[in-house]
Amino acid sequence: MKLKNFLNRLEYKYGKYAIHNLMPMLIGAMGIVFVADLMLSPYFSLYNAFTFNRSAIFAGQIWRVLSFTVLPPSSSIIFIIFSLYFYYLIGTSLEREWGALKFNIYYLIGILGTIAAGFISGYADNFYLNMSLFFAFAMFYPDFQVMLFFVLPVKIKWMAWLNAVLFAYLFIMGNWPARASIIAALLNFLVFFGSDIISQSKRIVERIKLKWRYRNR
């Protein structure tokens, strides 16, 4: 609660200095990288030049510290259109819900965590970072419905649970770079929603206890 109040005060005082429409900017950059890669292939890969690589950064390619944030999520034209639209929907909804400054802070925490994970493990990407936006969106709009594969209607909360299971699987079965990226990407989610999750968990536990008490009477 204290964190929420602090962020609200920051938004009120300094919101005008925030980067507005941050997600559309990032999506535009991802689209440019995607198109440029199509045009330059097979002579040059902008994607490979922008990935976070610790060895390359220490060798002087310092742009990789941030350029990984604008890497497109796929090499498929159909999938990237769907993905970028989804990113736009999530990002603009969160900025509208929070305000630009709080959205900037949320994404910045994720970026800094991912960079730290990249320097520790040697490699990082923006997949888990952008998925942290998805989890935040699910917290605000759990009953929002999307058409999975353009056919099957699914509520966001069920997709979030499915992705949470996937994250757990990748954390257990994946390598250390993947584990570090998952921890880093979820850091912003836990900072913003940790108290809410704890409160909800306590309420669920209390309801279960009450049900058992009534059953045992």
C-alpha atoms as a PDB file:
ATOM      1  CA  MET A   1       0.000   0.000   0.000  1.00  0.00           C
ATOM      2  CA  LYS A   2       2.862   2.355   0.831  1.00  0.00           C
ATOM      3  CA  LEU A   3       4.441   1.629  -2.570  1.00  0.00           C
ATOM      4  CA  LYS A   4       1.158   2.353  -4.358  1.00  0.00           C
ATOM      5  CA  ASN A   5       0.797   5.661  -2.544  1.00  0.00           C
ATOM      6  CA  PHE A   6       4.402   6.569  -3.334  1.00  0.00           C
ATOM      7  CA  LEU A   7       3.924   5.758  -7.029  1.00  0.00           C
ATOM      8  CA  ASN A   8       0.682   7.734  -7.103  1.00  0.00           C
ATOM      9  CA  ARG A   9       2.507  10.755  -5.687  1.00  0.00           C
ATOM     10  CA  LEU A  10       5.255  10.370  -8.278  1.00  0.00           C
ATOM     11  CA  GLU A  11       2.662  10.135 -11.033  1.00  0.00           C
ATOM     12  CA  TYR A  12       0.918  13.269  -9.777  1.00  0.00           C
ATOM     13  CA  LYS A  13       4.124  15.324  -9.460  1.00  0.00           C
ATOM     14  CA  TYR A  14       6.254  14.066 -12.336  1.00  0.00           C
ATOM     15  CA  GLY A  15       3.844  12.322 -14.716  1.00  0.00           C
ATOM     16  CA  LYS A  16       4.220  15.108 -17.279  1.00  0.00           C
ATOM     17  CA  TYR A  17       7.916  14.212 -17.646  1.00  0.00           C
ATOM     18  CA  ALA A  18       7.246  10.552 -18.413  1.00  0.00           C
ATOM     19  CA  ILE A  19       7.598   8.972 -21.836  1.00  0.00           C
ATOM     20  CA  HIS A  20       4.046   8.787 -23.131  1.00  0.00           C
ATOM     21  CA  ASN A  21       3.023   6.077 -25.614  1.00  0.00           C
ATOM     22  CA  LEU A  22       6.107   4.065 -24.724  1.00  0.00           C
ATOM     23  CA  MET A  23       4.717   0.784 -26.011  1.00  0.00           C
ATOM     24  CA  PRO A  24       3.748   2.106 -29.464  1.00  0.00           C
ATOM     25  CA  MET A  25       7.301   3.463 -29.761  1.00  0.00           C
ATOM     26  CA  LEU A  26       8.798   0.083 -28.888  1.00  0.00           C
ATOM     27  CA  ILE A  27       6.409  -1.689 -31.259  1.00  0.00           C
ATOM     28  CA  GLY A  28       7.368   0.701 -34.051  1.00  0.00           C
ATOM     29  CA  ALA A  29      11.047  -0.024 -33.409  1.00  0.00           C
ATOM     30  CA  MET A  30      10.360  -3.787 -33.429  1.00  0.00           C
ATOM     31  CA  GLY A  31       8.555  -3.418 -36.748  1.00  0.00           C
ATOM     32  CA  ILE A  32      11.479  -1.491 -38.237  1.00  0.00           C
ATOM     33  CA  VAL A  33      13.965  -4.142 -37.092  1.00  0.00           C
ATOM     34  CA  PHE A  34      11.743  -6.889 -38.534  1.00  0.00           C
ATOM     35  CA  VAL A  35      11.406  -5.197 -41.936  1.00  0.00           C
ATOM     36  CA  ALA A  36      15.110  -4.279 -42.029  1.00  0.00           C
ATOM     37  CA  ASP A  37      16.043  -7.900 -41.319  1.00  0.00           C
ATOM     38  CA  LEU A  38      13.861  -9.065 -44.202  1.00  0.00           C
ATOM     39  CA  MET A  39      15.496  -6.561 -46.546  1.00  0.00           C
ATOM     40  CA  LEU A  40      19.074  -7.213 -45.417  1.00  0.00           C
ATOM     41  CA  SER A  41      18.844 -11.004 -45.246  1.00  0.00           C
ATOM     42  CA  PRO A  42      20.911 -13.071 -45.941  1.00  0.00           C
ATOM     43  CA  TYR A  43      23.773 -10.544 -46.047  1.00  0.00           C
ATOM     44  CA  PHE A  44      23.308  -9.118 -42.580  1.00  0.00           C
ATOM     45  CA  SER A  45      21.171  -9.878 -39.522  1.00  0.00           C
ATOM     46  CA  LEU A  46      20.100  -6.869 -37.492  1.00  0.00           C
ATOM     47  CA  TYR A  47      18.507  -9.278 -35.027  1.00  0.00           C
ATOM     48  CA  ASN A  48      21.861 -10.910 -34.267  1.00  0.00           C
ATOM     49  CA  ALA A  49      23.518  -7.499 -33.998  1.00  0.00           C
ATOM     50  CA  PHE A  50      20.958  -6.331 -31.407  1.00  0.00           C
ATOM     51  CA  THR A  51      20.827  -9.351 -29.088  1.00  0.00           C
ATOM     52  CA  PHE A  52      22.179  -9.019 -25.556  1.00  0.00           C
ATOM     53  CA  ASN A  53      25.560 -10.741 -25.539  1.00  0.00           C
ATOM     54  CA  ARG A  54      27.882 -10.125 -22.601  1.00  0.00           C
ATOM     55  CA  SER A  55      31.064 -11.001 -24.482  1.00  0.00           C
ATOM     56  CA  ALA A  56      30.164  -8.695 -27.370  1.00  0.00           C
ATOM     57  CA  ILE A  57      29.295  -5.860 -24.961  1.00  0.00           C
ATOM     58  CA  PHE A  58      32.642  -6.185 -23.189  1.00  0.00           C
ATOM     59  CA  ALA A  59      34.274  -6.172 -26.640  1.00  0.00           C
ATOM     60  CA  GLY A  60      32.833  -2.698 -27.264  1.00  0.00           C
ATOM     61  CA  GLN A  61      29.342  -3.306 -28.727  1.00  0.00           C
ATOM     62  CA  ILE A  62      27.688  -1.333 -25.931  1.00  0.00           C
ATOM     63  CA  TRP A  63      24.431  -0.739 -27.857  1.00  0.00           C
ATOM     64  CA  ARG A  64      23.500  -4.350 -27.061  1.00  0.00           C
ATOM     65  CA  VAL A  65      22.843  -3.315 -23.445  1.00  0.00           C
ATOM     66  CA  LEU A  66      19.542  -1.768 -24.601  1.00  0.00           C
ATOM     67  CA  SER A  67      19.003  -2.779 -28.225  1.00  0.00           C
ATOM     68  CA  PHE A  68      17.604  -6.189 -27.202  1.00  0.00           C
ATOM     69  CA  THR A  69      14.440  -4.389 -26.034  1.00  0.00           C
ATOM     70  CA  VAL A  70      13.408  -3.688 -29.656  1.00  0.00           C
ATOM     71  CA  LEU A  71      13.929  -7.185 -31.030  1.00  0.00           C
ATOM     72  CA  PRO A  72      10.775  -8.497 -32.758  1.00  0.00           C
ATOM     73  CA  PRO A  73       9.137 -11.505 -31.096  1.00  0.00           C
ATOM     74  CA  SER A  74       9.058 -13.677 -34.207  1.00  0.00           C
ATOM     75  CA  SER A  75      10.363 -14.123 -37.749  1.00  0.00           C
ATOM     76  CA  SER A  76       6.875 -15.058 -39.024  1.00  0.00           C
ATOM     77  CA  ILE A  77       4.948 -12.195 -40.647  1.00  0.00           C
ATOM     78  CA  ILE A  78       1.544 -13.481 -39.501  1.00  0.00           C
ATOM     79  CA  PHE A  79       2.689 -14.163 -35.937  1.00  0.00           C
ATOM     80  CA  ILE A  80       4.488 -10.849 -35.566  1.00  0.00           C
ATOM     81  CA  ILE A  81       1.396  -8.907 -36.629  1.00  0.00           C
ATOM     82  CA  PHE A  82      -0.617 -10.705 -33.947  1.00  0.00           C
ATOM     83  CA  SER A  83       2.164 -10.306 -31.347  1.00  0.00           C
ATOM     84  CA  LEU A  84       2.733  -6.600 -31.949  1.00  0.00           C
ATOM     85  CA  TYR A  85      -0.991  -5.905 -31.845  1.00  0.00           C
ATOM     86  CA  PHE A  86      -1.192  -7.797 -28.549  1.00  0.00           C
ATOM     87  CA  TYR A  87       1.762  -5.824 -27.156  1.00  0.00           C
ATOM     88  CA  TYR A  88       0.038  -2.612 -28.234  1.00  0.00           C
ATOM     89  CA  LEU A  89      -3.210  -3.624 -26.547  1.00  0.00           C
ATOM     90  CA  ILE A  90      -1.468  -4.578 -23.299  1.00  0.00           C
ATOM     91  CA  GLY A  91       0.939  -1.638 -23.181  1.00  0.00           C
ATOM     92  CA  THR A  92      -1.602   1.084 -23.948  1.00  0.00           C
ATOM     93  CA  SER A  93      -4.117  -0.439 -21.502  1.00  0.00           C
ATOM     94  CA  LEU A  94      -1.559  -0.496 -18.683  1.00  0.00           C
ATOM     95  CA  GLU A  95      -0.444   3.068 -19.409  1.00  0.00           C
ATOM     96  CA  ARG A  96      -4.067   4.173 -19.361  1.00  0.00           C
ATOM     97  CA  GLU A  97      -4.659   2.306 -16.078  1.00  0.00           C
ATOM     98  CA  TRP A  98      -1.508   3.456 -14.286  1.00  0.00           C
ATOM     99  CA  GLY A  99      -0.485   6.628 -16.017  1.00  0.00           C
ATOM    100  CA  ALA A 100       2.620   7.034 -18.162  1.00  0.00           C
ATOM    101  CA  LEU A 101       5.132   7.411 -15.325  1.00  0.00           C
ATOM    102  CA  LYS A 102       4.116   4.274 -13.436  1.00  0.00           C
ATOM    103  CA  PHE A 103       4.124   2.316 -16.686  1.00  0.00           C
ATOM    104  CA  ASN A 104       7.607   3.676 -17.443  1.00  0.00           C
ATOM    105  CA  ILE A 105       8.790   2.609 -13.978  1.00  0.00           C
ATOM    106  CA  TYR A 106       7.287  -0.860 -14.351  1.00  0.00           C
ATOM    107  CA  TYR A 107       8.995  -1.431 -17.693  1.00  0.00           C
ATOM    108  CA  LEU A 108      12.248   0.160 -16.507  1.00  0.00           C
ATOM    109  CA  ILE A 109      12.465  -2.195 -13.526  1.00  0.00           C
ATOM    110  CA  GLY A 110      12.000  -5.100 -15.935  1.00  0.00           C
ATOM    111  CA  ILE A 111      14.693  -3.776 -18.276  1.00  0.00           C
ATOM    112  CA  LEU A 112      17.206  -3.194 -15.471  1.00  0.00           C
ATOM    113  CA  GLY A 113      16.506  -6.639 -14.040  1.00  0.00           C
ATOM    114  CA  THR A 114      16.943  -8.262 -17.450  1.00  0.00           C
ATOM    115  CA  ILE A 115      20.210  -6.380 -18.044  1.00  0.00           C
ATOM    116  CA  ALA A 116      21.505  -7.498 -14.643  1.00  0.00           C
ATOM    117  CA  ALA A 117      20.493 -11.086 -15.437  1.00  0.00           C
ATOM    118  CA  GLY A 118      22.250 -10.799 -18.801  1.00  0.00           C
ATOM    119  CA  PHE A 119      25.519  -9.673 -17.249  1.00  0.00           C
ATOM    120  CA  ILE A 120      25.305 -12.471 -14.673  1.00  0.00           C
ATOM    121  CA  SER A 121      24.411 -15.274 -17.090  1.00  0.00           C
ATOM    122  CA  GLY A 122      25.906 -13.941 -20.321  1.00  0.00           C
ATOM    123  CA  TYR A 123      22.712 -13.696 -22.368  1.00  0.00           C
ATOM    124  CA  ALA A 124      19.216 -12.186 -22.134  1.00  0.00           C
ATOM    125  CA  ASP A 125      16.254 -11.380 -24.383  1.00  0.00           C
ATOM    126  CA  ASN A 126      13.001  -9.431 -24.153  1.00  0.00           C
ATOM    127  CA  PHE A 127      10.559 -12.366 -24.220  1.00  0.00           C
ATOM    128  CA  TYR A 128      10.188 -12.678 -20.452  1.00  0.00           C
ATOM    129  CA  LEU A 129      10.330  -8.904 -20.058  1.00  0.00           C
ATOM    130  CA  ASN A 130       7.312  -8.429 -22.317  1.00  0.00           C
ATOM    131  CA  MET A 131       5.520 -11.357 -20.711  1.00  0.00           C
ATOM    132  CA  SER A 132       5.665  -9.481 -17.414  1.00  0.00           C
ATOM    133  CA  LEU A 133       3.393  -6.908 -19.094  1.00  0.00           C
ATOM    134  CA  PHE A 134       1.003  -9.718 -19.930  1.00  0.00           C
ATOM    135  CA  PHE A 135       0.799 -10.794 -16.276  1.00  0.00           C
ATOM    136  CA  ALA A 136       0.147  -7.200 -15.192  1.00  0.00           C
ATOM    137  CA  PHE A 137      -2.616  -6.895 -17.787  1.00  0.00           C
ATOM    138  CA  ALA A 138      -4.196 -10.121 -16.487  1.00  0.00           C
ATOM    139  CA  MET A 139      -4.254  -8.681 -12.965  1.00  0.00           C
ATOM    140  CA  PHE A 140      -6.261  -5.662 -14.132  1.00  0.00           C
ATOM    141  CA  TYR A 141      -8.439  -7.348 -16.760  1.00  0.00           C
ATOM    142  CA  PRO A 142      -8.750 -11.044 -15.819  1.00  0.00           C
ATOM    143  CA  ASP A 143     -11.983 -11.523 -17.776  1.00  0.00           C
ATOM    144  CA  PHE A 144     -10.779  -9.822 -20.943  1.00  0.00           C
ATOM    145  CA  GLN A 145     -11.383 -12.253 -23.803  1.00  0.00           C
ATOM    146  CA  VAL A 146      -9.095 -12.896 -26.766  1.00  0.00           C
ATOM    147  CA  MET A 147      -9.517 -15.174 -29.756  1.00  0.00           C
ATOM    148  CA  LEU A 148      -6.789 -17.789 -29.471  1.00  0.00           C
ATOM    149  CA  PHE A 149      -5.549 -18.722 -32.959  1.00  0.00           C
ATOM    150  CA  PHE A 150      -8.292 -16.322 -34.157  1.00  0.00           C
ATOM    151  CA  VAL A 151     -10.872 -19.017 -33.386  1.00  0.00           C
ATOM    152  CA  LEU A 152     -11.045 -20.048 -29.714  1.00  0.00           C
ATOM    153  CA  PRO A 153     -12.332 -17.469 -27.184  1.00  0.00           C
ATOM    154  CA  VAL A 154     -10.194 -17.548 -24.029  1.00  0.00           C
ATOM    155  CA  LYS A 155     -10.123 -15.276 -20.999  1.00  0.00           C
ATOM    156  CA  ILE A 156      -6.827 -13.607 -20.194  1.00  0.00           C
ATOM    157  CA  LYS A 157      -6.693 -15.056 -16.675  1.00  0.00           C
ATOM    158  CA  TRP A 158      -6.553 -18.623 -18.043  1.00  0.00           C
ATOM    159  CA  MET A 159      -3.817 -17.676 -20.496  1.00  0.00           C
ATOM    160  CA  ALA A 160      -1.914 -16.061 -17.611  1.00  0.00           C
ATOM    161  CA  TRP A 161      -2.155 -19.251 -15.550  1.00  0.00           C
ATOM    162  CA  LEU A 162      -1.003 -21.286 -18.552  1.00  0.00           C
ATOM    163  CA  ASN A 163       1.979 -18.990 -19.030  1.00  0.00           C
ATOM    164  CA  ALA A 164       2.749 -19.147 -15.310  1.00  0.00           C
ATOM    165  CA  VAL A 165       2.930 -22.939 -15.614  1.00  0.00           C
ATOM    166  CA  LEU A 166       5.164 -22.533 -18.685  1.00  0.00           C
ATOM    167  CA  PHE A 167       7.441 -20.149 -16.754  1.00  0.00           C
ATOM    168  CA  ALA A 168       7.679 -22.669 -13.907  1.00  0.00           C
ATOM    169  CA  TYR A 169       8.536 -25.444 -16.359  1.00  0.00           C
ATOM    170  CA  LEU A 170      11.179 -23.339 -18.129  1.00  0.00           C
ATOM    171  CA  PHE A 171      12.627 -22.301 -14.782  1.00  0.00           C
ATOM    172  CA  ILE A 172      12.974 -25.924 -13.670  1.00  0.00           C
ATOM    173  CA  MET A 173      14.054 -27.437 -16.988  1.00  0.00           C
ATOM    174  CA  GLY A 174      15.806 -24.469 -18.613  1.00  0.00           C
ATOM    175  CA  ASN A 175      19.393 -23.273 -18.433  1.00  0.00           C
ATOM    176  CA  TRP A 176      20.715 -20.595 -16.096  1.00  0.00           C
ATOM    177  CA  PRO A 177      20.324 -17.700 -18.576  1.00  0.00           C
ATOM    178  CA  ALA A 178      16.624 -18.583 -18.906  1.00  0.00           C
ATOM    179  CA  ARG A 179      16.215 -18.856 -15.126  1.00  0.00           C
ATOM    180  CA  ALA A 180      17.932 -15.523 -14.548  1.00  0.00           C
ATOM    181  CA  SER A 181      15.753 -13.861 -17.209  1.00  0.00           C
ATOM    182  CA  ILE A 182      12.571 -15.267 -15.655  1.00  0.00           C
ATOM    183  CA  ILE A 183      13.508 -14.017 -12.182  1.00  0.00           C
ATOM    184  CA  ALA A 184      14.479 -10.598 -13.550  1.00  0.00           C
ATOM    185  CA  ALA A 185      11.353 -10.253 -15.676  1.00  0.00           C
ATOM    186  CA  LEU A 186       9.057 -11.115 -12.768  1.00  0.00           C
ATOM    187  CA  LEU A 187      10.786  -8.652 -10.441  1.00  0.00           C
ATOM    188  CA  ASN A 188       8.680  -5.711 -11.637  1.00  0.00           C
ATOM    189  CA  PHE A 189       5.497  -7.796 -11.390  1.00  0.00           C
ATOM    190  CA  LEU A 190       6.284  -8.749  -7.800  1.00  0.00           C
ATOM    191  CA  VAL A 191       7.189  -5.166  -6.871  1.00  0.00           C
ATOM    192  CA  PHE A 192       3.876  -3.867  -8.201  1.00  0.00           C
ATOM    193  CA  PHE A 193       1.571  -6.766  -7.360  1.00  0.00           C
ATOM    194  CA  GLY A 194       3.314  -8.720  -4.595  1.00  0.00           C
ATOM    195  CA  SER A 195       1.187  -7.231  -1.812  1.00  0.00           C
ATOM    196  CA  ASP A 196      -2.014  -7.844  -3.806  1.00  0.00           C
ATOM    197  CA  ILE A 197      -1.064 -11.483  -4.413  1.00  0.00           C
ATOM    198  CA  ILE A 198      -0.303 -11.998  -0.716  1.00  0.00           C
ATOM    199  CA  SER A 199      -3.621 -10.408   0.290  1.00  0.00           C
ATOM    200  CA  GLN A 200      -5.569 -12.510  -2.203  1.00  0.00           C
ATOM    201  CA  SER A 201      -3.772 -15.656  -1.063  1.00  0.00           C
ATOM    202  CA  LYS A 202      -4.653 -14.908   2.562  1.00  0.00           C
ATOM    203  CA  ARG A 203      -8.311 -14.399   1.641  1.00  0.00           C
ATOM    204  CA  ILE A 204      -8.363 -17.707  -0.249  1.00  0.00           C
ATOM    205  CA  VAL A 205      -6.792 -19.522   2.696  1.00  0.00           C
ATOM    206  CA  GLU A 206      -9.344 -17.963   5.075  1.00  0.00           C
ATOM    207  CA  ARG A 207     -12.231 -19.026   2.849  1.00  0.00           C
ATOM    208  CA  ILE A 208     -10.885 -22.585   2.732  1.00  0.00           C
ATOM    209  CA  LYS A 209     -10.558 -22.624   6.525  1.00  0.00           C
ATOM    210  CA  LEU A 210     -14.139 -21.390   6.936  1.00  0.00           C
ATOM    211  CA  LYS A 211     -15.440 -24.085   4.597  1.00  0.00           C
ATOM    212  CA  TRP A 212     -13.642 -26.782   6.587  1.00  0.00           C
ATOM    213  CA  ARG A 213     -15.042 -25.415   9.836  1.00  0.00           C
ATOM    214  CA  TYR A 214     -18.592 -25.557   8.517  1.00  0.00           C
ATOM    215  CA  ARG A 215     -18.055 -29.082   7.181  1.00  0.00           C
ATOM    216  CA  ASN A 216     -16.764 -30.326  10.519  1.00  0.00           C
ATOM    217  CA  ARG A 217     -19.780 -28.996  12.447  1.00  0.00           C
END
